[in-house]
Protein backbone atom coordinates (compact mmCIF):
# COMPACT_ATOMS: atom_id res chain seq x y z
CA MET A 1 -10.59 29.47 9.58
CA ASN A 2 -11.21 32.44 11.88
CA ASP A 3 -12.82 30.45 14.69
CA PHE A 4 -11.42 29.78 18.13
CA ARG A 5 -12.24 26.43 19.65
CA LEU A 6 -10.88 23.72 21.91
CA HIS A 7 -10.95 20.05 20.98
CA ARG A 8 -9.96 17.28 23.40
CA THR A 9 -8.91 13.70 22.83
CA HIS A 10 -7.99 11.21 25.54
CA ILE A 11 -4.34 12.33 25.42
CA SER A 12 -4.30 15.81 23.80
CA SER A 13 -5.99 19.21 23.88
CA LEU A 14 -5.98 21.17 20.63
CA LEU A 15 -6.59 24.92 20.63
CA PHE A 16 -7.65 26.18 17.19
CA ALA A 17 -6.93 29.90 16.87
CA GLY A 18 -7.52 31.29 13.42
CA ASP A 19 -4.91 29.85 11.08
CA GLN A 20 -2.91 28.35 13.95
CA VAL A 21 -3.24 25.27 16.15
CA PHE A 22 -1.64 24.67 19.53
CA LYS A 23 -1.50 21.04 20.61
CA PHE A 24 -1.01 20.33 24.32
CA LYS A 25 -0.34 16.98 25.98
CA ARG A 26 -2.92 16.26 28.67
CA PRO A 27 -1.40 15.39 32.08
CA VAL A 28 -2.40 11.72 31.94
CA LYS A 29 -0.68 8.42 32.59
CA LEU A 30 -2.08 5.55 30.52
CA PRO A 31 -0.76 2.05 29.77
CA PHE A 32 0.54 3.26 26.40
CA ALA A 33 1.38 6.94 27.09
CA ASP A 34 2.80 8.81 30.08
CA PHE A 35 2.39 12.61 30.02
CA SER A 36 2.08 12.91 33.79
CA THR A 37 4.91 15.42 34.34
CA ARG A 38 5.82 18.66 32.61
CA VAL A 39 9.23 17.23 31.76
CA LEU A 40 7.58 14.31 29.95
CA ARG A 41 5.14 16.63 28.18
CA GLN A 42 8.05 18.78 27.00
CA HIS A 43 9.91 15.70 25.78
CA PHE A 44 6.98 14.37 23.78
CA CYS A 45 6.22 17.78 22.27
CA ASP A 46 9.83 17.88 21.09
CA GLU A 47 9.48 14.34 19.74
CA GLU A 48 6.27 15.21 17.91
CA LEU A 49 7.99 18.15 16.25
CA ARG A 50 11.02 16.05 15.27
CA LEU A 51 8.99 13.19 13.84
CA ASN A 52 6.50 15.28 11.89
CA ARG A 53 8.96 17.70 10.38
CA ARG A 54 10.16 14.71 8.37
CA THR A 55 6.92 14.69 6.35
CA ALA A 56 5.13 17.97 7.15
CA PRO A 57 7.72 20.71 7.78
CA ALA A 58 5.35 23.42 6.54
CA LEU A 59 2.70 22.46 9.11
CA TYR A 60 4.90 22.07 12.20
CA ARG A 61 6.27 25.47 13.25
CA GLY A 62 7.85 24.67 16.61
CA VAL A 63 7.27 24.08 20.30
CA VAL A 64 6.04 27.05 22.36
CA HIS A 65 5.03 27.59 25.98
CA ILE A 66 1.65 28.97 26.98
CA ALA A 67 0.98 29.57 30.68
CA GLY A 68 4.02 27.43 31.40
CA GLU A 69 2.80 24.46 29.38
CA PRO A 70 4.62 23.18 26.27
CA ALA A 71 2.58 22.97 23.09
CA VAL A 72 3.27 21.98 19.50
CA TRP A 73 2.65 25.03 17.31
CA MET A 74 1.12 24.16 13.95
CA ARG A 75 -0.24 25.86 10.88
CA ARG A 76 -3.88 25.04 10.38
CA PHE A 77 -4.98 23.29 7.20
CA ASP A 78 -8.31 22.77 5.46
CA GLU A 79 -9.89 19.89 7.37
CA THR A 80 -12.26 19.15 4.48
CA GLN A 81 -9.16 17.90 2.63
CA LEU A 82 -8.33 15.16 5.13
CA PHE A 83 -8.24 11.81 3.34
CA HIS A 84 -10.69 10.51 5.96
CA THR A 85 -13.16 13.27 5.08
CA LEU A 86 -12.69 12.80 1.34
CA ALA A 87 -13.16 9.04 1.70
CA GLU A 88 -16.37 9.44 3.69
CA ALA A 89 -17.70 11.92 1.13
CA GLY A 90 -16.84 9.59 -1.75
CA THR A 91 -14.57 12.21 -3.32
CA LEU A 92 -11.14 10.64 -2.72
CA GLU A 93 -9.61 10.30 -6.17
CA ALA A 94 -7.40 7.59 -7.63
CA LEU A 95 -4.67 10.10 -8.50
CA GLN A 96 -4.59 11.26 -4.87
CA VAL A 97 -4.11 7.66 -3.77
CA ASP A 98 -1.31 7.24 -6.34
CA ALA A 99 0.36 10.39 -5.01
CA LEU A 100 0.03 9.06 -1.46
CA ALA A 101 1.73 5.79 -2.41
CA GLN A 102 4.59 7.74 -3.98
CA ALA A 103 4.86 9.99 -0.91
CA VAL A 104 4.99 7.06 1.52
CA ALA A 105 7.63 5.26 -0.55
CA ALA A 106 9.69 8.46 -0.89
CA PHE A 107 9.48 9.10 2.86
CA GLN A 108 10.55 5.56 3.67
CA ALA A 109 13.51 5.83 1.29
CA THR A 110 14.93 8.58 3.55
CA LEU A 111 14.72 6.56 6.77
CA PRO A 112 17.79 4.96 8.34
CA ALA A 113 17.59 1.34 9.40
CA VAL A 114 16.84 0.39 13.01
CA HIS A 115 19.03 -2.48 14.20
CA GLY A 116 19.51 -4.35 17.49
CA PRO A 117 18.87 -4.59 20.36
CA PHE A 118 15.45 -3.75 18.89
CA ASP A 119 13.85 -7.01 17.65
CA ALA A 120 11.20 -6.18 15.05
CA ALA A 121 9.64 -9.65 15.17
CA ASP A 122 9.37 -9.70 18.97
CA VAL A 123 7.92 -6.19 19.13
CA ALA A 124 5.32 -6.73 16.39
CA THR A 125 4.27 -10.08 17.87
CA ARG A 126 3.97 -8.71 21.39
CA TRP A 127 1.86 -5.67 20.51
CA ALA A 128 -0.49 -7.58 18.20
CA ALA A 129 -1.12 -10.31 20.79
CA ALA A 130 -1.56 -7.81 23.64
CA ASN A 131 -4.06 -5.79 21.63
CA LEU A 132 -6.27 -8.82 20.99
CA ARG A 133 -6.13 -9.85 24.66
CA GLU A 134 -7.11 -6.35 25.76
CA LEU A 135 -9.86 -6.24 23.16
CA GLN A 136 -11.27 -9.60 24.23
CA ALA A 137 -11.42 -8.37 27.83
CA LEU A 138 -13.33 -5.18 27.01
CA PRO A 139 -17.04 -5.09 27.85
CA GLY A 140 -19.02 -5.20 24.63
CA THR A 141 -16.55 -7.09 22.44
CA ALA A 142 -18.44 -10.38 22.62
CA GLU A 143 -21.71 -8.62 21.77
CA VAL A 144 -20.37 -7.09 18.55
CA ALA A 145 -17.96 -9.80 17.39
CA GLY A 146 -18.34 -12.92 19.50
CA PRO A 147 -15.30 -14.63 21.06
CA LEU A 148 -12.00 -13.65 19.50
CA ASP A 149 -10.37 -17.06 19.95
CA ASP A 150 -10.19 -17.55 16.18
CA LEU A 151 -8.38 -14.25 15.62
CA ILE A 152 -6.06 -14.84 18.57
CA ALA A 153 -5.08 -18.27 17.23
CA TRP A 154 -4.60 -16.94 13.68
CA ASP A 155 -2.53 -14.01 14.95
CA ALA A 156 -0.25 -16.33 16.93
CA ALA A 157 0.22 -18.64 13.94
CA GLN A 158 0.99 -15.73 11.60
CA ALA A 159 3.41 -14.18 14.08
CA ALA A 160 5.34 -17.44 14.38
CA ALA A 161 5.38 -18.00 10.62
CA LEU A 162 6.48 -14.44 9.81
CA ALA A 163 9.07 -13.95 12.56
CA PRO A 164 11.97 -15.30 10.44
CA LEU A 165 11.03 -12.97 7.59
CA LEU A 166 10.81 -9.96 9.92
CA ARG A 167 14.25 -10.71 11.33
CA GLU A 168 15.71 -11.30 7.87
CA ARG A 169 14.27 -8.00 6.66
CA GLN A 170 15.60 -6.21 9.74
CA ALA A 171 19.07 -7.53 8.92
CA GLN A 172 18.58 -6.15 5.39
CA GLY A 173 17.73 -2.67 6.73
CA CYS A 174 13.95 -2.85 6.30
CA THR A 175 13.12 -1.95 9.93
CA VAL A 176 12.70 1.83 10.24
CA GLU A 177 11.34 4.55 12.51
CA GLY A 178 8.19 5.14 10.51
CA HIS A 179 4.97 7.08 11.05
CA GLY A 180 3.18 4.55 13.25
CA ASP A 181 -0.37 5.83 12.83
CA LEU A 182 -0.93 6.18 9.10
CA HIS A 183 -4.72 6.04 8.90
CA LEU A 184 -6.67 8.36 6.62
CA GLY A 185 -7.30 10.89 9.40
CA ASN A 186 -3.57 11.64 9.52
CA ILE A 187 -3.17 12.43 5.82
CA VAL A 188 -4.27 15.71 4.23
CA TRP A 189 -4.31 16.93 0.63
CA HIS A 190 -2.43 20.21 1.06
CA HIS A 191 -1.36 22.51 -1.78
CA GLY A 192 -1.85 19.75 -4.36
CA ALA A 193 0.00 16.96 -2.58
CA PRO A 194 -0.60 14.44 0.23
CA VAL A 195 0.96 15.40 3.56
CA LEU A 196 1.48 12.86 6.34
CA PHE A 197 1.17 14.33 9.84
CA ASP A 198 0.53 13.37 13.48
CA ALA A 199 3.11 10.59 13.60
CA LEU A 200 2.96 8.53 16.76
CA GLU A 201 5.34 10.13 19.27
CA PHE A 202 4.54 8.50 22.61
CA GLU A 203 5.79 4.92 22.08
CA PRO A 204 8.84 4.15 19.91
CA GLU A 205 7.89 0.48 19.59
CA LEU A 206 4.65 1.46 17.85
CA ARG A 207 6.37 3.51 15.14
CA CYS A 208 9.54 1.45 14.73
CA GLY A 209 8.93 -1.62 12.63
CA ASP A 210 9.00 -3.13 9.20
CA ARG A 211 8.58 -0.80 6.22
CA GLY A 212 5.42 -2.71 5.33
CA ALA A 213 3.63 -1.68 8.54
CA ASP A 214 2.66 1.89 7.62
CA PRO A 215 1.21 1.09 4.16
CA ALA A 216 -0.66 -1.88 5.67
CA PHE A 217 -2.41 0.54 8.04
CA THR A 218 -3.46 2.81 5.16
CA PHE A 219 -4.58 -0.23 3.14
CA MET A 220 -6.73 -1.38 6.06
CA ASP A 221 -8.31 2.03 6.54
CA LEU A 222 -9.23 2.30 2.86
CA LEU A 223 -10.91 -1.11 3.18
CA ASP A 224 -12.67 0.04 6.34
CA HIS A 225 -14.01 3.05 4.46
CA GLY A 226 -15.54 0.74 1.87
CA LEU A 227 -12.93 1.55 -0.78
CA PRO A 228 -11.36 -1.81 -1.67
CA ARG A 229 -10.49 -0.72 -5.20
CA LEU A 230 -8.49 2.24 -3.93
CA ALA A 231 -6.97 0.07 -1.20
CA TRP A 232 -5.45 -2.29 -3.75
CA ARG A 233 -4.48 0.58 -6.02
CA PHE A 234 -2.57 2.10 -3.09
CA VAL A 235 -0.72 -1.10 -2.17
CA SER A 236 0.14 -1.83 -5.80
CA ALA A 237 1.42 1.71 -6.38
CA TRP A 238 3.46 1.61 -3.15
CA CYS A 239 5.08 -1.69 -4.21
CA GLU A 240 5.85 -0.30 -7.65
CA ALA A 241 7.25 2.97 -6.31
CA GLY A 242 9.57 1.44 -3.73
CA GLY A 243 10.15 -2.03 -5.14
CA ASP A 244 9.50 -3.66 -1.76
CA GLN A 245 7.21 -6.46 -2.90
CA ASP A 246 9.02 -8.67 -0.37
CA ALA A 247 6.85 -6.99 2.29
CA LEU A 248 3.69 -8.55 0.83
CA PRO A 249 3.74 -11.60 3.17
CA LEU A 250 3.17 -9.14 6.03
CA LEU A 251 0.22 -7.33 4.46
CA HIS A 252 -2.78 -9.28 5.75
CA TRP A 253 -1.33 -9.82 9.23
CA GLN A 254 -0.33 -6.18 9.71
CA ALA A 255 -3.64 -4.94 8.30
CA ALA A 256 -5.66 -7.26 10.54
CA TYR A 257 -3.68 -6.06 13.56
CA ARG A 258 -4.47 -2.44 12.69
CA ALA A 259 -8.14 -3.28 12.17
CA ALA A 260 -8.22 -4.80 15.65
CA VAL A 261 -6.47 -1.75 17.12
CA ARG A 262 -9.01 0.58 15.53
CA ALA A 263 -11.82 -1.72 16.72
CA LYS A 264 -10.54 -1.36 20.28
CA VAL A 265 -10.44 2.43 19.96
CA ALA A 266 -14.00 2.46 18.61
CA LEU A 267 -15.25 0.26 21.44
CA ILE A 268 -13.60 2.47 24.08
CA GLU A 269 -15.26 5.48 22.46
CA GLY A 270 -18.66 3.78 22.61
CA ARG A 271 -18.99 3.12 18.87
CA ALA A 272 -19.93 -0.53 19.08
CA ALA A 273 -21.15 -0.87 15.49
CA VAL A 274 -17.89 0.52 14.14
CA ALA A 275 -15.92 -1.86 16.35
CA GLY A 276 -17.95 -4.78 15.04
CA ARG A 277 -17.34 -3.71 11.44
CA ARG A 278 -13.60 -3.48 12.00
CA LEU A 279 -13.40 -6.88 13.65
CA ALA A 280 -15.34 -8.33 10.73
CA LEU A 281 -12.70 -6.77 8.47
CA ALA A 282 -9.93 -8.35 10.55
CA ARG A 283 -11.57 -11.73 10.06
CA ARG A 284 -11.83 -11.19 6.30
CA LEU A 285 -8.15 -10.33 6.19
CA ALA A 286 -7.42 -13.54 8.07
CA ALA A 287 -9.33 -15.65 5.55
CA THR A 288 -8.07 -14.72 2.10
CA PRO A 289 -9.34 -16.64 -0.94
CA ARG A 290 -7.16 -18.53 -3.40
CA PRO A 291 -5.05 -15.96 -5.26
CA THR A 292 -4.69 -15.57 -9.01
CA LEU A 293 -1.74 -14.80 -11.26
CA TRP A 294 -3.01 -12.59 -14.07
CA LEU A 295 -0.80 -12.13 -17.12
CA THR A 296 -1.41 -9.17 -19.42
CA ALA A 297 0.72 -9.93 -22.49
CA GLY A 298 0.94 -8.54 -26.00
CA LEU A 299 2.80 -6.21 -28.33
CA SER A 300 3.85 -2.70 -27.36
CA GLY A 301 0.94 -0.29 -27.56
CA SER A 302 -1.65 -3.04 -27.07
CA GLY A 303 -2.84 -1.61 -23.76
CA LYS A 304 -1.25 -4.21 -21.45
CA SER A 305 -0.42 -1.73 -18.72
CA THR A 306 -3.82 -0.04 -18.91
CA VAL A 307 -5.58 -3.39 -18.61
CA ALA A 308 -3.25 -4.40 -15.76
CA GLN A 309 -4.03 -1.20 -13.85
CA GLN A 310 -7.76 -1.81 -14.28
CA LEU A 311 -7.28 -5.35 -12.97
CA VAL A 312 -5.52 -4.02 -9.86
CA GLU A 313 -8.77 -2.40 -8.77
CA ALA A 314 -11.30 -4.79 -10.28
CA ALA A 315 -9.71 -8.02 -9.06
CA GLY A 316 -7.90 -6.76 -5.96
CA ALA A 317 -4.27 -7.42 -6.82
CA VAL A 318 -0.82 -5.89 -7.10
CA ARG A 319 0.82 -5.21 -10.44
CA VAL A 320 4.44 -6.02 -11.27
CA ARG A 321 5.50 -4.38 -14.51
CA SER A 322 8.39 -5.57 -16.65
CA ASP A 323 9.30 -2.06 -17.86
CA VAL A 324 9.68 -0.85 -14.26
CA GLU A 325 11.43 -3.92 -12.87
CA ARG A 326 13.87 -4.11 -15.81
CA LYS A 327 15.03 -0.57 -15.06
CA ARG A 328 15.04 -1.15 -11.30
CA LEU A 329 17.46 -4.05 -11.80
CA HIS A 330 19.80 -1.58 -13.52
CA GLY A 331 19.39 1.16 -10.90
CA LEU A 332 17.27 3.33 -13.20
CA ALA A 333 14.13 5.35 -12.51
CA PRO A 334 11.03 4.20 -14.44
CA THR A 335 11.09 7.14 -16.87
CA ALA A 336 14.87 7.20 -17.37
CA ARG A 337 15.92 7.00 -21.04
CA PRO A 338 19.29 5.21 -21.05
CA ALA A 339 21.67 5.58 -23.95
CA ASP A 340 22.82 1.97 -23.64
CA THR A 341 19.64 0.19 -24.67
CA ALA A 342 21.60 -2.80 -25.98
CA THR A 343 22.54 -3.81 -22.44
CA LEU A 344 19.16 -2.92 -20.92
CA TYR A 345 17.24 -4.93 -23.51
CA GLY A 346 19.79 -7.66 -24.21
CA THR A 347 19.16 -11.35 -23.67
CA ASP A 348 20.77 -11.45 -20.22
CA ALA A 349 18.78 -8.43 -18.99
CA THR A 350 15.56 -9.95 -20.30
CA LEU A 351 16.23 -13.26 -18.54
CA ARG A 352 16.93 -11.40 -15.30
CA THR A 353 13.77 -9.33 -15.72
CA TYR A 354 11.53 -12.37 -16.17
CA ALA A 355 13.25 -14.09 -13.24
CA ARG A 356 12.37 -11.03 -11.15
CA LEU A 357 8.75 -11.07 -12.37
CA ASN A 358 8.41 -14.74 -11.44
CA ALA A 359 10.02 -14.16 -8.03
CA VAL A 360 7.68 -11.28 -7.19
CA ALA A 361 4.69 -13.28 -8.41
CA ALA A 362 5.68 -16.24 -6.24
CA THR A 363 6.11 -14.01 -3.18
CA ALA A 364 2.69 -12.44 -3.68
CA LEU A 365 0.86 -15.69 -4.41
CA ASN A 366 2.42 -17.52 -1.47
CA SER A 367 1.20 -14.63 0.69
CA GLY A 368 -2.38 -15.00 -0.51
CA VAL A 369 -2.12 -11.86 -2.66
CA SER A 370 -3.20 -11.93 -6.31
CA VAL A 371 -0.67 -10.51 -8.74
CA ILE A 372 -0.78 -9.08 -12.25
CA VAL A 373 2.33 -9.60 -14.36
CA ASP A 374 2.37 -6.80 -16.92
CA ALA A 375 4.87 -7.93 -19.57
CA ALA A 376 5.02 -8.50 -23.31
CA ALA A 377 5.69 -12.24 -22.79
CA LEU A 378 5.96 -12.64 -26.55
CA ARG A 379 7.49 -16.11 -26.30
CA ARG A 380 5.57 -19.15 -25.18
CA GLY A 381 8.36 -20.18 -22.82
CA GLU A 382 7.96 -16.95 -20.85
CA ARG A 383 4.23 -17.53 -20.51
CA ASP A 384 4.66 -21.19 -19.57
CA THR A 385 7.09 -20.28 -16.80
CA LEU A 386 4.61 -17.83 -15.31
CA ARG A 387 1.89 -20.46 -15.46
CA ALA A 388 4.22 -22.87 -13.64
CA THR A 389 4.86 -20.23 -10.97
CA ALA A 390 1.12 -19.99 -10.34
CA GLN A 391 0.73 -23.76 -10.22
CA ALA A 392 3.62 -24.14 -7.75
CA ALA A 393 1.89 -21.67 -5.42
CA GLY A 394 -1.46 -23.43 -5.73
CA ALA A 395 -2.89 -20.32 -7.38
CA CYS A 396 -5.13 -19.78 -10.38
CA PHE A 397 -3.63 -18.61 -13.68
CA MET A 398 -5.45 -16.24 -16.02
CA GLY A 399 -3.63 -15.13 -19.15
CA LEU A 400 -4.81 -12.26 -21.36
CA TRP A 401 -3.37 -11.48 -24.78
CA CYS A 402 -4.05 -7.80 -25.46
CA ASP A 403 -4.65 -7.28 -29.17
CA ALA A 404 -5.22 -4.27 -31.43
CA PRO A 405 -4.62 -3.42 -35.12
CA ALA A 406 -1.13 -2.32 -36.16
CA ASP A 407 -2.16 1.27 -36.83
CA VAL A 408 -3.67 1.57 -33.35
CA LEU A 409 -0.47 0.21 -31.79
CA ALA A 410 1.68 2.70 -33.70
CA THR A 411 -0.56 5.64 -32.82
CA ARG A 412 -0.51 4.77 -29.12
CA ILE A 413 3.27 4.36 -29.09
CA GLY A 414 3.70 7.77 -30.74
CA ARG A 415 1.38 9.40 -28.21
CA ARG A 416 3.20 7.72 -25.32
CA GLN A 417 6.62 8.82 -26.59
CA ALA A 418 5.43 12.40 -26.95
CA ALA A 419 4.18 12.46 -23.37
CA GLY A 420 7.45 11.02 -22.02
CA THR A 421 5.87 9.99 -18.71
CA ASP A 422 5.68 6.22 -19.16
CA ALA A 423 8.27 3.60 -18.23
CA SER A 424 8.15 1.96 -21.66
CA ASP A 425 10.99 2.77 -24.07
CA ALA A 426 9.39 1.00 -27.04
CA ASP A 427 9.14 2.91 -30.31
CA THR A 428 7.75 1.87 -33.68
CA ALA A 429 11.06 0.17 -34.59
CA VAL A 430 10.73 -2.01 -31.49
CA LEU A 431 7.13 -2.72 -32.44
CA ALA A 432 8.21 -3.86 -35.91
CA LEU A 433 10.75 -6.24 -34.35
CA GLN A 434 8.14 -7.59 -31.94
CA GLN A 435 5.73 -8.22 -34.80
CA ARG A 436 8.37 -10.37 -36.50
CA VAL A 437 9.36 -12.49 -33.49
CA ALA A 438 6.17 -12.71 -31.42
CA GLU A 439 4.78 -16.19 -30.77
CA ARG A 440 1.06 -15.63 -30.56
CA PRO A 441 -0.69 -17.84 -28.00
CA ALA A 442 -1.56 -21.32 -29.19
CA ALA A 443 -5.00 -22.74 -28.51
CA ASP A 444 -3.69 -25.16 -25.88
CA GLU A 445 -2.33 -22.27 -23.76
CA GLY A 446 -5.83 -21.16 -22.87
CA LEU A 447 -5.03 -17.44 -22.99
CA GLN A 448 -7.98 -15.17 -23.61
CA VAL A 449 -7.59 -12.66 -26.44
CA LEU A 450 -8.78 -9.23 -25.34
CA ASP A 451 -9.59 -6.75 -28.11
CA THR A 452 -8.22 -3.42 -26.87
CA ARG A 453 -8.85 -1.27 -29.92
CA GLY A 454 -11.83 0.48 -28.30
CA THR A 455 -12.01 3.54 -26.11
CA PRO A 456 -10.59 3.36 -22.58
CA ALA A 457 -14.14 3.12 -21.25
CA GLN A 458 -14.93 0.21 -23.57
CA VAL A 459 -11.77 -1.67 -22.61
CA ALA A 460 -12.43 -1.01 -18.92
CA ALA A 461 -15.95 -2.40 -19.29
CA ALA A 462 -14.57 -5.55 -20.92
CA VAL A 463 -12.10 -6.03 -18.06
CA GLU A 464 -14.81 -5.50 -15.44
CA ALA A 465 -17.04 -8.04 -17.19
CA LEU A 466 -14.22 -10.57 -17.27
CA VAL A 467 -13.55 -10.16 -13.54
CA ARG A 468 -17.25 -10.41 -12.69
CA GLU A 469 -17.50 -13.60 -14.73
CA ARG A 470 -14.71 -15.10 -12.65
CA GLY A 471 -16.32 -13.96 -9.42
CA ASP A 472 -13.29 -12.01 -8.17
CA ASP A 473 -13.98 -9.29 -5.58
CA PRO A 474 -11.40 -6.75 -4.39
CA ALA A 475 -13.19 -6.52 -1.03
CA SER A 476 -12.39 -10.16 -0.27
CA ALA A 477 -8.91 -10.34 -1.81
């Protein structure tokens, strides 16, 4: 990183000088950004520093003046570690995506709520509709994607349907000043962790919105990079980390909006093929197939959670895990080991946990999102209720009973306890109790028994085969 070079975008000039970067605002006035005076350029440099020190304090050093012009002073990072670059090279790893989901959820947990007079529903509706109108008017749009009347009509219908939810969530504190531009080019793997940078500074309405907006952008960009498995892994991990599954109804609409925004950018830059690909993605997001409720049930140590995680990627779904949700209901972190297990695992807590699982499943399914319920579900009544939840949403139901010999179960539980990194608190005494009370699936339930005694690779292959047989595809979910 000893080179000196200048890189220009339509609104910025970046001077790379060894291990430093100086980012200037270009003196332009555009419909979405006004940097036409030095006072405005100073203001937006200060805003960029403020916003990005929330997530990348080590990268953003300050605001300096060079030849009288304000510039954001940054530490340079290894550009080969941008998530965009890793995705294009096919080297973006699942664990990096998991870490990103955790980082986004942790960042959002620090953000104060944005209340009135800002109207999250009005702002989101207005920007999405305006973007499609501008896109339709651009030369070249019709050639790469045909008329956009279908997307415009779908967007308007979604906006109207989701406005009450957006306003309800704003009243609950779910509208925040987020990042606003969370595509893969604004995330870097730096010193072993994902770092979010280059938050959108020039228009508050584009960064203030529902908590679900930023992860929807990242989800869309992973899809656009041809990584549907990682896209669903990211969304599922974000939901699990923050517990905001109530944002799922917004996912397809927000992602389609971002796909259309990125299509417009590509068209303006002369990349017609990329614009066409992104508009095709927006249309896929607008036409989701019938969702499925997957149940991975079975005794402790039977591999339920492993199978559920494989299904997230193979089927394109979000996982809701009883071990995590049970503790969330009691204000506990997933790996907390409470002394009062009698309360946590008592009858009332179990009823509340399964009510939560059914509620999350219903929210996902009614949003067109497939869901995996990862729970022991040892009693037929618990399984029947989940089946009824799927039927009420007009969704498919696919139940799996994960099965392995007793010695395999005990060995896995011992290994898991030694590691201490899993949400499950079950030990061999719990397993013995489960073995006494479990109601194995009856033939008329139609659950498929999945032998999980094999190696992780063998179990994964069995799950993949099952999903292929059903015809599920994460790219179309």
